PDB file of N, CA and C in Angstrom:
ATOM      1  N   MET A   1      12.074  -0.472   8.478  1.00  0.00           N
ATOM      2  CA  MET A   1      13.478  -0.744   8.591  1.00  0.00           C
ATOM      3  C   MET A   1      13.714  -2.232   8.287  1.00  0.00           C
ATOM      4  N   TYR A   2      14.799  -2.492   7.589  1.00  0.00           N
ATOM      5  CA  TYR A   2      15.139  -3.865   7.206  1.00  0.00           C
ATOM      6  C   TYR A   2      15.468  -4.709   8.435  1.00  0.00           C
ATOM      7  N   ASN A   3      14.939  -5.941   8.466  1.00  0.00           N
ATOM      8  CA  ASN A   3      15.211  -6.874   9.556  1.00  0.00           C
ATOM      9  C   ASN A   3      15.637  -8.208   8.958  1.00  0.00           C
ATOM     10  N   GLY A   4      16.936  -8.377   8.794  1.00  0.00           N
ATOM     11  CA  GLY A   4      17.485  -9.595   8.209  1.00  0.00           C
ATOM     12  C   GLY A   4      17.314 -10.821   9.079  1.00  0.00           C
ATOM     13  N   ASN A   5      17.034 -10.627  10.357  1.00  0.00           N
ATOM     14  CA  ASN A   5      16.837 -11.778  11.248  1.00  0.00           C
ATOM     15  C   ASN A   5      15.625 -12.604  10.846  1.00  0.00           C
ATOM     16  N   VAL A   6      14.724 -12.004  10.090  1.00  0.00           N
ATOM     17  CA  VAL A   6      13.563 -12.744   9.583  1.00  0.00           C
ATOM     18  C   VAL A   6      14.042 -13.898   8.696  1.00  0.00           C
ATOM     19  N   ILE A   7      15.112 -13.666   7.954  1.00  0.00           N
ATOM     20  CA  ILE A   7      15.661 -14.718   7.076  1.00  0.00           C
ATOM     21  C   ILE A   7      16.150 -15.883   7.922  1.00  0.00           C
ATOM     22  N   LYS A   8      16.876 -15.577   8.997  1.00  0.00           N
ATOM     23  CA  LYS A   8      17.355 -16.637   9.893  1.00  0.00           C
ATOM     24  C   LYS A   8      16.173 -17.434  10.457  1.00  0.00           C
ATOM     25  N   GLN A   9      15.130 -16.724  10.857  1.00  0.00           N
ATOM     26  CA  GLN A   9      13.959 -17.380  11.437  1.00  0.00           C
ATOM     27  C   GLN A   9      13.262 -18.261  10.402  1.00  0.00           C
ATOM     28  N   LEU A  10      13.146 -17.769   9.173  1.00  0.00           N
ATOM     29  CA  LEU A  10      12.525 -18.574   8.113  1.00  0.00           C
ATOM     30  C   LEU A  10      13.337 -19.831   7.833  1.00  0.00           C
ATOM     31  N   LEU A  11      14.660 -19.706   7.853  1.00  0.00           N
ATOM     32  CA  LEU A  11      15.525 -20.879   7.657  1.00  0.00           C
ATOM     33  C   LEU A  11      15.289 -21.910   8.756  1.00  0.00           C
ATOM     34  N   LEU A  12      15.165 -21.439   9.993  1.00  0.00           N
ATOM     35  CA  LEU A  12      14.916 -22.353  11.117  1.00  0.00           C
ATOM     36  C   LEU A  12      13.530 -22.975  11.037  1.00  0.00           C
ATOM     37  N   ASP A  13      12.524 -22.142  10.777  1.00  0.00           N
ATOM     38  CA  ASP A  13      11.143 -22.626  10.725  1.00  0.00           C
ATOM     39  C   ASP A  13      10.945 -23.669   9.634  1.00  0.00           C
ATOM     40  N   LYS A  14      11.559 -23.447   8.493  1.00  0.00           N
ATOM     41  CA  LYS A  14      11.375 -24.352   7.359  1.00  0.00           C
ATOM     42  C   LYS A  14      12.420 -25.461   7.326  1.00  0.00           C
ATOM     43  N   LYS A  15      13.342 -25.412   8.314  1.00  0.00           N
ATOM     44  CA  LYS A  15      14.407 -26.424   8.428  1.00  0.00           C
ATOM     45  C   LYS A  15      15.183 -26.573   7.124  1.00  0.00           C
ATOM     46  N   VAL A  16      15.593 -25.412   6.617  1.00  0.00           N
ATOM     47  CA  VAL A  16      16.343 -25.363   5.359  1.00  0.00           C
ATOM     48  C   VAL A  16      17.783 -24.983   5.686  1.00  0.00           C
ATOM     49  N   PRO A  17      18.756 -25.720   5.147  1.00  0.00           N
ATOM     50  CA  PRO A  17      20.153 -25.351   5.382  1.00  0.00           C
ATOM     51  C   PRO A  17      20.495 -24.027   4.675  1.00  0.00           C
ATOM     52  N   ASN A  18      21.382 -23.269   5.291  1.00  0.00           N
ATOM     53  CA  ASN A  18      21.815 -21.988   4.716  1.00  0.00           C
ATOM     54  C   ASN A  18      22.295 -22.138   3.281  1.00  0.00           C
ATOM     55  N   LYS A  19      23.049 -23.218   3.035  1.00  0.00           N
ATOM     56  CA  LYS A  19      23.640 -23.426   1.708  1.00  0.00           C
ATOM     57  C   LYS A  19      22.580 -23.560   0.618  1.00  0.00           C
ATOM     58  N   GLU A  20      21.426 -24.113   0.966  1.00  0.00           N
ATOM     59  CA  GLU A  20      20.356 -24.270  -0.017  1.00  0.00           C
ATOM     60  C   GLU A  20      19.838 -22.893  -0.463  1.00  0.00           C
ATOM     61  N   LEU A  21      19.657 -22.009   0.477  1.00  0.00           N
ATOM     62  CA  LEU A  21      19.242 -20.646   0.148  1.00  0.00           C
ATOM     63  C   LEU A  21      20.316 -19.953  -0.675  1.00  0.00           C
ATOM     64  N   LEU A  22      21.561 -20.075  -0.249  1.00  0.00           N
ATOM     65  CA  LEU A  22      22.664 -19.419  -0.968  1.00  0.00           C
ATOM     66  C   LEU A  22      22.792 -19.949  -2.390  1.00  0.00           C
ATOM     67  N   ARG A  23      22.614 -21.258  -2.557  1.00  0.00           N
ATOM     68  CA  ARG A  23      22.652 -21.842  -3.903  1.00  0.00           C
ATOM     69  C   ARG A  23      21.534 -21.249  -4.770  1.00  0.00           C
ATOM     70  N   TYR A  24      20.344 -21.122  -4.183  1.00  0.00           N
ATOM     71  CA  TYR A  24      19.183 -20.596  -4.919  1.00  0.00           C
ATOM     72  C   TYR A  24      19.406 -19.160  -5.385  1.00  0.00           C
ATOM     73  N   ILE A  25      20.022 -18.357  -4.515  1.00  0.00           N
ATOM     74  CA  ILE A  25      20.224 -16.954  -4.908  1.00  0.00           C
ATOM     75  C   ILE A  25      21.509 -16.754  -5.701  1.00  0.00           C
ATOM     76  N   GLY A  26      22.280 -17.826  -5.891  1.00  0.00           N
ATOM     77  CA  GLY A  26      23.433 -17.753  -6.778  1.00  0.00           C
ATOM     78  C   GLY A  26      24.751 -17.458  -6.103  1.00  0.00           C
ATOM     79  N   THR A  27      24.834 -17.690  -4.820  1.00  0.00           N
ATOM     80  CA  THR A  27      26.105 -17.520  -4.116  1.00  0.00           C
ATOM     81  C   THR A  27      26.170 -18.573  -3.024  1.00  0.00           C
ATOM     82  N   GLU A  28      27.348 -19.153  -2.837  1.00  0.00           N
ATOM     83  CA  GLU A  28      27.457 -20.223  -1.850  1.00  0.00           C
ATOM     84  C   GLU A  28      28.434 -19.905  -0.726  1.00  0.00           C
ATOM     85  N   ALA A  29      28.911 -18.695  -0.648  1.00  0.00           N
ATOM     86  CA  ALA A  29      29.845 -18.330   0.419  1.00  0.00           C
ATOM     87  C   ALA A  29      29.054 -18.034   1.697  1.00  0.00           C
ATOM     88  N   ASN A  30      29.522 -18.567   2.821  1.00  0.00           N
ATOM     89  CA  ASN A  30      28.843 -18.332   4.091  1.00  0.00           C
ATOM     90  C   ASN A  30      28.800 -16.851   4.444  1.00  0.00           C
ATOM     91  N   ALA A  31      29.817 -16.118   4.050  1.00  0.00           N
ATOM     92  CA  ALA A  31      29.857 -14.682   4.335  1.00  0.00           C
ATOM     93  C   ALA A  31      28.691 -13.975   3.652  1.00  0.00           C
ATOM     94  N   SER A  32      28.241 -14.515   2.532  1.00  0.00           N
ATOM     95  CA  SER A  32      27.148 -13.888   1.803  1.00  0.00           C
ATOM     96  C   SER A  32      25.861 -13.901   2.612  1.00  0.00           C
ATOM     97  N   LEU A  33      25.594 -14.987   3.354  1.00  0.00           N
ATOM     98  CA  LEU A  33      24.390 -15.038   4.181  1.00  0.00           C
ATOM     99  C   LEU A  33      24.469 -13.979   5.280  1.00  0.00           C
ATOM    100  N   ALA A  34      25.631 -13.838   5.884  1.00  0.00           N
ATOM    101  CA  ALA A  34      25.820 -12.810   6.916  1.00  0.00           C
ATOM    102  C   ALA A  34      25.602 -11.423   6.322  1.00  0.00           C
ATOM    103  N   GLN A  35      26.089 -11.222   5.099  1.00  0.00           N
ATOM    104  CA  GLN A  35      25.892  -9.921   4.446  1.00  0.00           C
ATOM    105  C   GLN A  35      24.410  -9.654   4.197  1.00  0.00           C
ATOM    106  N   ILE A  36      23.675 -10.680   3.812  1.00  0.00           N
ATOM    107  CA  ILE A  36      22.243 -10.518   3.546  1.00  0.00           C
ATOM    108  C   ILE A  36      21.487 -10.261   4.843  1.00  0.00           C
ATOM    109  N   VAL A  37      21.827 -11.014   5.876  1.00  0.00           N
ATOM    110  CA  VAL A  37      21.117 -10.902   7.151  1.00  0.00           C
ATOM    111  C   VAL A  37      21.481  -9.606   7.875  1.00  0.00           C
ATOM    112  N   ASN A  38      22.769  -9.292   7.936  1.00  0.00           N
ATOM    113  CA  ASN A  38      23.227  -8.156   8.739  1.00  0.00           C
ATOM    114  C   ASN A  38      23.438  -6.873   7.949  1.00  0.00           C
ATOM    115  N   GLY A  39      23.521  -7.005   6.644  1.00  0.00           N
ATOM    116  CA  GLY A  39      23.845  -5.843   5.831  1.00  0.00           C
ATOM    117  C   GLY A  39      22.639  -5.189   5.213  1.00  0.00           C
ATOM    118  N   ASN A  40      22.882  -4.671   4.030  1.00  0.00           N
ATOM    119  CA  ASN A  40      21.847  -3.968   3.286  1.00  0.00           C
ATOM    120  C   ASN A  40      21.787  -4.593   1.890  1.00  0.00           C
ATOM    121  N   PRO A  41      21.085  -5.712   1.747  1.00  0.00           N
ATOM    122  CA  PRO A  41      21.088  -6.425   0.465  1.00  0.00           C
ATOM    123  C   PRO A  41      20.404  -5.617  -0.639  1.00  0.00           C
ATOM    124  N   THR A  42      20.781  -5.927  -1.853  1.00  0.00           N
ATOM    125  CA  THR A  42      20.142  -5.273  -2.988  1.00  0.00           C
ATOM    126  C   THR A  42      18.704  -5.775  -3.113  1.00  0.00           C
ATOM    127  N   VAL A  43      17.900  -5.000  -3.789  1.00  0.00           N
ATOM    128  CA  VAL A  43      16.502  -5.385  -4.002  1.00  0.00           C
ATOM    129  C   VAL A  43      16.452  -6.691  -4.792  1.00  0.00           C
ATOM    130  N   LYS A  44      17.308  -6.808  -5.775  1.00  0.00           N
ATOM    131  CA  LYS A  44      17.333  -8.015  -6.616  1.00  0.00           C
ATOM    132  C   LYS A  44      17.629  -9.262  -5.768  1.00  0.00           C
ATOM    133  N   ARG A  45      18.596  -9.147  -4.880  1.00  0.00           N
ATOM    134  CA  ARG A  45      18.956 -10.296  -4.039  1.00  0.00           C
ATOM    135  C   ARG A  45      17.838 -10.600  -3.038  1.00  0.00           C
ATOM    136  N   LEU A  46      17.276  -9.565  -2.442  1.00  0.00           N
ATOM    137  CA  LEU A  46      16.202  -9.761  -1.468  1.00  0.00           C
ATOM    138  C   LEU A  46      14.962 -10.346  -2.136  1.00  0.00           C
ATOM    139  N   GLU A  47      14.739  -9.966  -3.371  1.00  0.00           N
ATOM    140  CA  GLU A  47      13.615 -10.519  -4.129  1.00  0.00           C
ATOM    141  C   GLU A  47      13.793 -12.026  -4.324  1.00  0.00           C
ATOM    142  N   LYS A  48      15.021 -12.453  -4.585  1.00  0.00           N
ATOM    143  CA  LYS A  48      15.288 -13.891  -4.730  1.00  0.00           C
ATOM    144  C   LYS A  48      15.049 -14.625  -3.411  1.00  0.00           C
ATOM    145  N   VAL A  49      15.440 -13.992  -2.306  1.00  0.00           N
ATOM    146  CA  VAL A  49      15.221 -14.606  -0.990  1.00  0.00           C
ATOM    147  C   VAL A  49      13.718 -14.744  -0.731  1.00  0.00           C
ATOM    148  N   ALA A  50      12.972 -13.697  -1.044  1.00  0.00           N
ATOM    149  CA  ALA A  50      11.515 -13.735  -0.859  1.00  0.00           C
ATOM    150  C   ALA A  50      10.899 -14.831  -1.720  1.00  0.00           C
ATOM    151  N   ASP A  51      11.351 -14.952  -2.958  1.00  0.00           N
ATOM    152  CA  ASP A  51      10.850 -16.003  -3.847  1.00  0.00           C
ATOM    153  C   ASP A  51      11.173 -17.390  -3.300  1.00  0.00           C
ATOM    154  N   PHE A  52      12.365 -17.535  -2.756  1.00  0.00           N
ATOM    155  CA  PHE A  52      12.789 -18.821  -2.195  1.00  0.00           C
ATOM    156  C   PHE A  52      11.834 -19.274  -1.092  1.00  0.00           C
ATOM    157  N   PHE A  53      11.461 -18.342  -0.221  1.00  0.00           N
ATOM    158  CA  PHE A  53      10.579 -18.679   0.899  1.00  0.00           C
ATOM    159  C   PHE A  53       9.099 -18.552   0.551  1.00  0.00           C
ATOM    160  N   GLY A  54       8.804 -17.972  -0.596  1.00  0.00           N
ATOM    161  CA  GLY A  54       7.406 -17.795  -0.997  1.00  0.00           C
ATOM    162  C   GLY A  54       6.695 -16.748  -0.147  1.00  0.00           C
ATOM    163  N   VAL A  55       7.417 -15.673   0.177  1.00  0.00           N
ATOM    164  CA  VAL A  55       6.845 -14.596   0.989  1.00  0.00           C
ATOM    165  C   VAL A  55       6.995 -13.267   0.252  1.00  0.00           C
ATOM    166  N   SER A  56       6.283 -12.270   0.717  1.00  0.00           N
ATOM    167  CA  SER A  56       6.399 -10.917   0.180  1.00  0.00           C
ATOM    168  C   SER A  56       7.699 -10.293   0.679  1.00  0.00           C
ATOM    169  N   MET A  57       8.269  -9.400  -0.107  1.00  0.00           N
ATOM    170  CA  MET A  57       9.475  -8.695   0.345  1.00  0.00           C
ATOM    171  C   MET A  57       9.178  -7.840   1.573  1.00  0.00           C
ATOM    172  N   ASP A  58       7.926  -7.453   1.727  1.00  0.00           N
ATOM    173  CA  ASP A  58       7.514  -6.654   2.877  1.00  0.00           C
ATOM    174  C   ASP A  58       7.775  -7.397   4.190  1.00  0.00           C
ATOM    175  N   THR A  59       7.871  -8.713   4.116  1.00  0.00           N
ATOM    176  CA  THR A  59       8.120  -9.556   5.288  1.00  0.00           C
ATOM    177  C   THR A  59       9.431  -9.182   5.975  1.00  0.00           C
ATOM    178  N   PHE A  60      10.392  -8.698   5.207  1.00  0.00           N
ATOM    179  CA  PHE A  60      11.727  -8.421   5.737  1.00  0.00           C
ATOM    180  C   PHE A  60      11.875  -7.013   6.302  1.00  0.00           C
ATOM    181  N   PHE A  61      10.769  -6.290   6.403  1.00  0.00           N
ATOM    182  CA  PHE A  61      10.836  -4.913   6.882  1.00  0.00           C
ATOM    183  C   PHE A  61       9.872  -4.703   8.038  1.00  0.00           C
ATOM    184  N   GLU A  62      10.353  -3.976   9.038  1.00  0.00           N
ATOM    185  CA  GLU A  62       9.504  -3.593  10.156  1.00  0.00           C
ATOM    186  C   GLU A  62       8.914  -2.239   9.817  1.00  0.00           C
ATOM    187  N   ARG A  63       7.612  -2.111  10.004  1.00  0.00           N
ATOM    188  CA  ARG A  63       6.960  -0.858   9.660  1.00  0.00           C
ATOM    189  C   ARG A  63       6.357  -0.242  10.906  1.00  0.00           C
ATOM    190  N   GLU A  64       6.413   1.096  10.963  1.00  0.00           N
ATOM    191  CA  GLU A  64       5.747   1.788  12.057  1.00  0.00           C
ATOM    192  C   GLU A  64       4.246   1.747  11.853  1.00  0.00           C
ATOM    193  N   LYS A  65       3.836   1.873  10.611  1.00  0.00           N
ATOM    194  CA  LYS A  65       2.425   1.805  10.278  1.00  0.00           C
ATOM    195  C   LYS A  65       2.182   0.479   9.577  1.00  0.00           C
ATOM    196  N   PRO A  66       1.146  -0.233   9.941  1.00  0.00           N
ATOM    197  CA  PRO A  66       0.866  -1.500   9.262  1.00  0.00           C
ATOM    198  C   PRO A  66       0.458  -1.248   7.815  1.00  0.00           C
ATOM    199  N   PHE A  67       0.785  -2.180   6.969  1.00  0.00           N
ATOM    200  CA  PHE A  67       0.431  -2.077   5.564  1.00  0.00           C
ATOM    201  C   PHE A  67      -1.068  -2.216   5.415  1.00  0.00           C
ATOM    202  N   LYS A  68      -1.673  -1.252   4.722  1.00  0.00           N
ATOM    203  CA  LYS A  68      -3.099  -1.326   4.426  1.00  0.00           C
ATOM    204  C   LYS A  68      -3.261  -1.210   2.932  1.00  0.00           C
ATOM    205  N   GLN A  69      -4.016  -2.101   2.392  1.00  0.00           N
ATOM    206  CA  GLN A  69      -4.272  -2.031   0.972  1.00  0.00           C
ATOM    207  C   GLN A  69      -5.259  -0.900   0.721  1.00  0.00           C
ATOM    208  N   THR A  70      -4.888  -0.040  -0.197  1.00  0.00           N
ATOM    209  CA  THR A  70      -5.793   1.042  -0.545  1.00  0.00           C
ATOM    210  C   THR A  70      -6.582   0.628  -1.763  1.00  0.00           C
ATOM    211  N   GLY A  71      -7.616   1.325  -2.005  1.00  0.00           N
ATOM    212  CA  GLY A  71      -8.447   0.972  -3.136  1.00  0.00           C
ATOM    213  C   GLY A  71      -9.739   0.352  -2.656  1.00  0.00           C
ATOM    214  N   ILE A  72     -10.508  -0.042  -3.604  1.00  0.00           N
ATOM    215  CA  ILE A  72     -11.844  -0.533  -3.311  1.00  0.00           C
ATOM    216  C   ILE A  72     -11.932  -1.990  -3.752  1.00  0.00           C
ATOM    217  N   SER A  73     -12.463  -2.823  -2.887  1.00  0.00           N
ATOM    218  CA  SER A  73     -12.671  -4.202  -3.288  1.00  0.00           C
ATOM    219  C   SER A  73     -13.945  -4.278  -4.118  1.00  0.00           C
ATOM    220  N   LYS A  74     -14.079  -5.332  -4.873  1.00  0.00           N
ATOM    221  CA  LYS A  74     -15.247  -5.497  -5.743  1.00  0.00           C
ATOM    222  C   LYS A  74     -16.553  -5.422  -4.959  1.00  0.00           C
ATOM    223  N   SER A  75     -16.566  -5.986  -3.760  1.00  0.00           N
ATOM    224  CA  SER A  75     -17.806  -6.000  -2.978  1.00  0.00           C
ATOM    225  C   SER A  75     -18.200  -4.597  -2.512  1.00  0.00           C
ATOM    226  N   ASP A  76     -17.218  -3.707  -2.385  1.00  0.00           N
ATOM    227  CA  ASP A  76     -17.496  -2.351  -1.933  1.00  0.00           C
ATOM    228  C   ASP A  76     -17.803  -1.397  -3.085  1.00  0.00           C
ATOM    229  N   ASP A  77     -17.548  -1.812  -4.314  1.00  0.00           N
ATOM    230  CA  ASP A  77     -17.718  -0.938  -5.478  1.00  0.00           C
ATOM    231  C   ASP A  77     -19.075  -0.261  -5.518  1.00  0.00           C
ATOM    232  N   THR A  78     -20.139  -1.011  -5.443  1.00  0.00           N
ATOM    233  CA  THR A  78     -21.485  -0.463  -5.597  1.00  0.00           C
ATOM    234  C   THR A  78     -21.793   0.559  -4.517  1.00  0.00           C
ATOM    235  N   SER A  79     -21.576   0.209  -3.267  1.00  0.00           N
ATOM    236  CA  SER A  79     -21.897   1.137  -2.182  1.00  0.00           C
ATOM    237  C   SER A  79     -21.010   2.380  -2.243  1.00  0.00           C
ATOM    238  N   TYR A  80     -19.765   2.216  -2.645  1.00  0.00           N
ATOM    239  CA  TYR A  80     -18.852   3.352  -2.773  1.00  0.00           C
ATOM    240  C   TYR A  80     -19.382   4.340  -3.811  1.00  0.00           C
ATOM    241  N   TYR A  81     -19.740   3.833  -4.973  1.00  0.00           N
ATOM    242  CA  TYR A  81     -20.205   4.720  -6.040  1.00  0.00           C
ATOM    243  C   TYR A  81     -21.585   5.306  -5.748  1.00  0.00           C
ATOM    244  N   ILE A  82     -22.452   4.560  -5.096  1.00  0.00           N
ATOM    245  CA  ILE A  82     -23.761   5.099  -4.701  1.00  0.00           C
ATOM    246  C   ILE A  82     -23.553   6.265  -3.739  1.00  0.00           C
ATOM    247  N   GLU A  83     -22.660   6.092  -2.788  1.00  0.00           N
ATOM    248  CA  GLU A  83     -22.364   7.155  -1.822  1.00  0.00           C
ATOM    249  C   GLU A  83     -21.811   8.400  -2.534  1.00  0.00           C
ATOM    250  N   LYS A  84     -20.915   8.186  -3.488  1.00  0.00           N
ATOM    251  CA  LYS A  84     -20.338   9.310  -4.234  1.00  0.00           C
ATOM    252  C   LYS A  84     -21.405  10.024  -5.069  1.00  0.00           C
ATOM    253  N   ILE A  85     -22.275   9.273  -5.695  1.00  0.00           N
ATOM    254  CA  ILE A  85     -23.352   9.861  -6.512  1.00  0.00           C
ATOM    255  C   ILE A  85     -24.287  10.682  -5.636  1.00  0.00           C
ATOM    256  N   GLU A  86     -24.654  10.140  -4.483  1.00  0.00           N
ATOM    257  CA  GLU A  86     -25.537  10.870  -3.568  1.00  0.00           C
ATOM    258  C   GLU A  86     -24.893  12.175  -3.114  1.00  0.00           C
ATOM    259  N   LEU A  87     -23.612  12.140  -2.835  1.00  0.00           N
ATOM    260  CA  LEU A  87     -22.896  13.345  -2.425  1.00  0.00           C
ATOM    261  C   LEU A  87     -22.880  14.380  -3.553  1.00  0.00           C
ATOM    262  N   LEU A  88     -22.617  13.924  -4.771  1.00  0.00           N
ATOM    263  CA  LEU A  88     -22.614  14.840  -5.914  1.00  0.00           C
ATOM    264  C   LEU A  88     -23.999  15.433  -6.162  1.00  0.00           C
ATOM    265  N   GLU A  89     -25.039  14.630  -6.016  1.00  0.00           N
ATOM    266  CA  GLU A  89     -26.404  15.139  -6.187  1.00  0.00           C
ATOM    267  C   GLU A  89     -26.718  16.197  -5.132  1.00  0.00           C
ATOM    268  N   LYS A  90     -26.252  15.988  -3.917  1.00  0.00           N
ATOM    269  CA  LYS A  90     -26.467  16.963  -2.842  1.00  0.00           C
ATOM    270  C   LYS A  90     -25.735  18.269  -3.171  1.00  0.00           C
ATOM    271  N   ILE A  91     -24.528  18.169  -3.656  1.00  0.00           N
ATOM    272  CA  ILE A  91     -23.752  19.358  -4.016  1.00  0.00           C
ATOM    273  C   ILE A  91     -24.432  20.126  -5.147  1.00  0.00           C
ATOM    274  N   ILE A  92     -24.934  19.411  -6.143  1.00  0.00           N
ATOM    275  CA  ILE A  92     -25.632  20.056  -7.265  1.00  0.00           C
ATOM    276  C   ILE A  92     -26.891  20.768  -6.768  1.00  0.00           C
ATOM    277  N   LYS A  93     -27.633  20.123  -5.888  1.00  0.00           N
ATOM    278  CA  LYS A  93     -28.855  20.730  -5.344  1.00  0.00           C
ATOM    279  C   LYS A  93     -28.518  22.017  -4.589  1.00  0.00           C
ATOM    280  N   GLU A  94     -27.468  21.966  -3.748  1.00  0.00           N
ATOM    281  CA  GLU A  94     -27.054  23.158  -3.007  1.00  0.00           C
ATOM    282  C   GLU A  94     -26.610  24.265  -3.959  1.00  0.00           C
ATOM    283  N   LYS A  95     -25.911  23.901  -5.007  1.00  0.00           N
ATOM    284  CA  LYS A  95     -25.457  24.876  -5.999  1.00  0.00           C
ATOM    285  C   LYS A  95     -26.648  25.539  -6.677  1.00  0.00           C
ATOM    286  N   ASP A  96     -27.642  24.753  -7.068  1.00  0.00           N
ATOM    287  CA  ASP A  96     -28.848  25.298  -7.710  1.00  0.00           C
ATOM    288  C   ASP A  96     -29.581  26.249  -6.774  1.00  0.00           C
ATOM    289  N   GLU A  97     -29.659  25.889  -5.489  1.00  0.00           N
ATOM    290  CA  GLU A  97     -30.321  26.754  -4.515  1.00  0.00           C
ATOM    291  C   GLU A  97     -29.570  28.074  -4.349  1.00  0.00           C
ATOM    292  N   ARG A  98     -28.268  28.042  -4.369  1.00  0.00           N
ATOM    293  CA  ARG A  98     -27.471  29.271  -4.262  1.00  0.00           C
ATOM    294  C   ARG A  98     -27.657  30.154  -5.493  1.00  0.00           C
ATOM    295  N   ILE A  99     -27.720  29.520  -6.655  1.00  0.00           N
ATOM    296  CA  ILE A  99     -27.932  30.284  -7.886  1.00  0.00           C
ATOM    297  C   ILE A  99     -29.271  31.015  -7.822  1.00  0.00           C
ATOM    298  N   LYS A 100     -30.318  30.308  -7.376  1.00  0.00           N
ATOM    299  CA  LYS A 100     -31.644  30.943  -7.245  1.00  0.00           C
ATOM    300  C   LYS A 100     -31.590  32.104  -6.260  1.00  0.00           C
ATOM    301  N   LEU A 101     -30.934  31.897  -5.137  1.00  0.00           N
ATOM    302  CA  LEU A 101     -30.812  32.942  -4.134  1.00  0.00           C
ATOM    303  C   LEU A 101     -30.084  34.161  -4.706  1.00  0.00           C
ATOM    304  N   LEU A 102     -28.991  33.914  -5.401  1.00  0.00           N
ATOM    305  CA  LEU A 102     -28.233  35.018  -6.000  1.00  0.00           C
ATOM    306  C   LEU A 102     -29.038  35.737  -7.077  1.00  0.00           C
ATOM    307  N   GLU A 103     -29.821  34.993  -7.836  1.00  0.00           N
ATOM    308  CA  GLU A 103     -30.683  35.628  -8.842  1.00  0.00           C
ATOM    309  C   GLU A 103     -31.719  36.524  -8.171  1.00  0.00           C
ATOM    310  N   ASN A 104     -32.307  36.075  -7.072  1.00  0.00           N
ATOM    311  CA  ASN A 104     -33.282  36.873  -6.313  1.00  0.00           C
ATOM    312  C   ASN A 104     -32.627  38.135  -5.744  1.00  0.00           C
ATOM    313  N   VAL A 105     -31.445  37.986  -5.194  1.00  0.00           N
ATOM    314  CA  VAL A 105     -30.730  39.135  -4.647  1.00  0.00           C
ATOM    315  C   VAL A 105     -30.418  40.125  -5.768  1.00  0.00           C
ATOM    316  N   ASN A 106     -30.000  39.609  -6.896  1.00  0.00           N
ATOM    317  CA  ASN A 106     -29.688  40.458  -8.047  1.00  0.00           C
ATOM    318  C   ASN A 106     -30.936  41.229  -8.508  1.00  0.00           C
ATOM    319  N   GLN A 107     -32.073  40.573  -8.547  1.00  0.00           N
ATOM    320  CA  GLN A 107     -33.325  41.239  -8.945  1.00  0.00           C
ATOM    321  C   GLN A 107     -33.683  42.340  -7.964  1.00  0.00           C
ATOM    322  N   LEU A 108     -33.541  42.065  -6.681  1.00  0.00           N
ATOM    323  CA  LEU A 108     -33.857  43.079  -5.674  1.00  0.00           C
ATOM    324  C   LEU A 108     -32.919  44.280  -5.794  1.00  0.00           C
ATOM    325  N   LEU A 109     -31.678  44.034  -6.044  1.00  0.00           N
ATOM    326  CA  LEU A 109     -30.706  45.121  -6.173  1.00  0.00           C
ATOM    327  C   LEU A 109     -30.956  45.954  -7.428  1.00  0.00           C
ATOM    328  N   THR A 110     -31.322  45.304  -8.504  1.00  0.00           N
ATOM    329  CA  THR A 110     -31.586  46.047  -9.750  1.00  0.00           C
ATOM    330  C   THR A 110     -32.852  46.869  -9.645  1.00  0.00           C
ATOM    331  N   LYS A 111     -33.830  46.436  -8.865  1.00  0.00           N
ATOM    332  CA  LYS A 111     -35.082  47.180  -8.667  1.00  0.00           C
ATOM    333  C   LYS A 111     -34.833  48.463  -7.883  1.00  0.00           C
ATOM    334  N   HIS A 112     -33.903  48.447  -6.940  1.00  0.00           N
ATOM    335  CA  HIS A 112     -33.670  49.572  -6.064  1.00  0.00           C
ATOM    336  C   HIS A 112     -32.614  50.526  -6.605  1.00  0.00           C
ATOM    337  N   THR A 113     -32.069  50.257  -7.716  1.00  0.00           N
ATOM    338  CA  THR A 113     -31.070  51.187  -8.255  1.00  0.00           C
ATOM    339  C   THR A 113     -31.595  52.081  -9.330  1.00  0.00           C
TER     340      THR A 113
END
């Protein structure tokens, strides 16, 4: 959920006047800051605010689940792929064993018919 109060806090923390932010995003009316903080700003406008403060747009949103980067880091690449290869080799071995078992069962059935 959007939390515009983060903008107010960033302005206080960085000791930046409201007008400086408004000038940067291309509007100088005081009502515009209230609209950004209390309203539902456009992505384009919020992106400018994030750029102004040098933060991610995610900063302005409260999440129930914390953001986790998905994917594999370079350091994990080797172990990830080794693990996947070992799993695939195990699956292939099990498949080959089942094929042999089914062939044996088939031979026994053909002998008795």
